[in-house]
Amino acid sequence: MAVFLNPPSVPKPGPNYAQGVLVNAQARRLIISGQVGMSAEGVLREGMEAQAEQVFDNLFAVLAAAGMEPKDLVKLVVYCARPEEIAAVRQVRARKLGTHTPASTFLIVPALANPGFLLEIEGEAVREDKGADA
């Protein structure tokens, strides 16, 4: 089981993330490629909030395909091309993750691979391997 760490000797993190995550080695690890605000049908959502919703839906779909859940996320890296819309991204993140607080890095970038992409998020998830010896 992952242990989310916020030691008092480092700055207190902002909302929805932990300073570190300790993971038991007897686990399955999933690396999730950067997800963008495009549906499986190839429809690019319009606006930051809609793209953020789609990005998290895509992340959750990859998690589900691996037999994992959002609570298994231990690390997110956010690439945002619109610094003025950070609050919208954080609001969607809070709604989608609830009280779960994975480690996180939030980067402002000048652009992403497609000029229409406003946001991209990659992730890492870990789930305890129930079949492994304790």
Protein backbone atom coordinates (compact mmCIF):
# COMPACT_ATOMS: atom_id res chain seq x y z
CA MET A 1 0.00 0.00 0.00
CA ALA A 2 1.27 3.48 -0.85
CA VAL A 3 2.01 5.89 1.99
CA PHE A 4 1.57 9.57 1.15
CA LEU A 5 4.13 11.79 2.90
CA ASN A 6 4.10 15.44 3.90
CA PRO A 7 6.94 15.79 6.42
CA PRO A 8 6.94 18.96 8.51
CA SER A 9 10.56 19.68 7.44
CA VAL A 10 9.52 20.64 3.87
CA PRO A 11 7.00 23.23 2.65
CA LYS A 12 3.36 22.27 3.10
CA PRO A 13 1.98 21.26 -0.31
CA GLY A 14 -0.89 23.05 -1.98
CA PRO A 15 -4.21 21.33 -2.40
CA ASN A 16 -4.48 17.86 -3.84
CA TYR A 17 -0.92 16.60 -3.73
CA ALA A 18 1.65 15.03 -1.43
CA GLN A 19 5.38 15.81 -1.22
CA GLY A 20 6.27 12.13 -1.56
CA VAL A 21 4.80 8.66 -1.95
CA LEU A 22 6.39 5.55 -0.46
CA VAL A 23 5.47 2.38 -2.36
CA ASN A 24 5.85 -1.23 -1.27
CA ALA A 25 8.03 -3.12 -3.77
CA GLN A 26 5.48 -5.96 -3.91
CA ALA A 27 3.18 -4.05 -6.24
CA ARG A 28 2.11 -3.60 -9.85
CA ARG A 29 3.25 -0.33 -11.43
CA LEU A 30 1.49 1.42 -14.31
CA ILE A 31 3.10 4.26 -16.26
CA ILE A 32 0.46 6.32 -18.08
CA SER A 33 1.44 8.34 -21.14
CA GLY A 34 0.41 11.96 -21.33
CA GLN A 35 -3.35 12.19 -21.84
CA VAL A 36 -4.97 15.10 -23.67
CA GLY A 37 -8.47 16.50 -23.95
CA MET A 38 -9.50 14.29 -26.84
CA SER A 39 -12.18 11.61 -26.67
CA ALA A 40 -11.76 8.04 -27.98
CA GLU A 41 -13.72 9.18 -31.07
CA GLY A 42 -11.07 11.82 -31.82
CA VAL A 43 -13.13 14.81 -30.67
CA LEU A 44 -11.00 17.53 -29.08
CA ARG A 45 -12.94 19.18 -26.26
CA GLU A 46 -13.25 22.97 -26.31
CA GLY A 47 -11.90 25.05 -23.44
CA MET A 48 -9.66 24.25 -20.49
CA GLU A 49 -12.33 22.86 -18.16
CA ALA A 50 -13.73 20.50 -20.82
CA GLN A 51 -10.23 19.34 -21.77
CA ALA A 52 -9.32 18.79 -18.12
CA GLU A 53 -12.46 16.68 -17.62
CA GLN A 54 -11.56 14.60 -20.68
CA VAL A 55 -7.93 14.24 -19.60
CA PHE A 56 -8.98 12.78 -16.24
CA ASP A 57 -11.56 10.54 -17.92
CA ASN A 58 -8.78 9.25 -20.20
CA LEU A 59 -6.42 8.69 -17.25
CA PHE A 60 -9.16 6.80 -15.42
CA ALA A 61 -9.85 4.66 -18.51
CA VAL A 62 -6.19 3.61 -18.70
CA LEU A 63 -6.25 2.85 -14.97
CA ALA A 64 -9.37 0.71 -15.39
CA ALA A 65 -7.78 -1.18 -18.29
CA ALA A 66 -5.01 -2.19 -15.88
CA GLY A 67 -7.46 -3.19 -13.14
CA MET A 68 -6.66 -0.07 -11.12
CA GLU A 69 -8.60 2.85 -9.68
CA PRO A 70 -7.93 6.59 -9.26
CA LYS A 71 -6.86 5.95 -5.65
CA ASP A 72 -3.91 3.96 -7.08
CA LEU A 73 -2.41 7.08 -8.69
CA VAL A 74 0.85 7.97 -6.94
CA LYS A 75 2.24 10.62 -9.31
CA LEU A 76 0.88 13.12 -11.82
CA VAL A 77 2.77 15.48 -14.11
CA VAL A 78 0.62 18.29 -15.50
CA TYR A 79 1.61 20.29 -18.59
CA CYS A 80 -0.53 23.40 -18.97
CA ALA A 81 -0.30 25.76 -21.96
CA ARG A 82 -2.48 28.47 -20.40
CA PRO A 83 -1.12 29.74 -17.08
CA GLU A 84 -4.16 31.98 -16.61
CA GLU A 85 -6.33 28.84 -16.36
CA ILE A 86 -4.47 26.98 -13.60
CA ALA A 87 -7.45 27.44 -11.26
CA ALA A 88 -9.79 25.66 -13.70
CA VAL A 89 -7.40 22.70 -13.92
CA ARG A 90 -7.11 22.52 -10.13
CA GLN A 91 -10.90 22.63 -9.72
CA VAL A 92 -11.41 19.71 -12.10
CA ARG A 93 -8.57 17.81 -10.43
CA ALA A 94 -10.13 18.33 -6.99
CA ARG A 95 -13.51 17.17 -8.26
CA LYS A 96 -12.09 14.09 -9.99
CA LEU A 97 -9.64 13.03 -7.25
CA GLY A 98 -11.58 14.11 -4.18
CA THR A 99 -9.39 13.68 -1.10
CA HIS A 100 -6.77 11.57 -2.91
CA THR A 101 -3.43 13.41 -3.00
CA PRO A 102 -0.76 11.83 -5.24
CA ALA A 103 2.66 13.40 -5.67
CA SER A 104 2.44 16.03 -8.38
CA THR A 105 4.39 18.36 -10.62
CA PHE A 106 2.62 21.21 -12.46
CA LEU A 107 4.44 22.76 -15.41
CA ILE A 108 3.55 25.75 -17.54
CA VAL A 109 4.67 25.15 -21.12
CA PRO A 110 4.50 27.42 -24.18
CA ALA A 111 2.73 24.79 -26.29
CA LEU A 112 1.89 21.10 -26.63
CA ALA A 113 2.15 18.74 -29.63
CA ASN A 114 -1.10 20.02 -31.18
CA PRO A 115 -1.92 23.76 -30.99
CA GLY A 116 -5.44 22.82 -29.85
CA PHE A 117 -4.17 20.91 -26.81
CA LEU A 118 -4.38 23.13 -23.74
CA LEU A 119 -3.44 20.49 -21.19
CA GLU A 120 -1.65 17.16 -20.95
CA ILE A 121 -1.30 14.98 -17.86
CA GLU A 122 0.82 11.88 -17.43
CA GLY A 123 0.59 9.60 -14.45
CA GLU A 124 1.95 6.71 -12.50
CA ALA A 125 -0.11 4.26 -10.49
CA VAL A 126 0.82 1.49 -8.10
CA ARG A 127 -1.39 -1.24 -6.71
CA GLU A 128 -0.39 -3.74 -4.09
CA ASP A 129 0.22 -7.17 -5.56
CA LYS A 130 -2.17 -9.38 -3.57
CA GLY A 131 -0.48 -12.51 -4.92
CA ALA A 132 2.99 -11.62 -3.63
CA ASP A 133 4.35 -13.03 -0.40
CA ALA A 134 4.12 -10.56 2.44
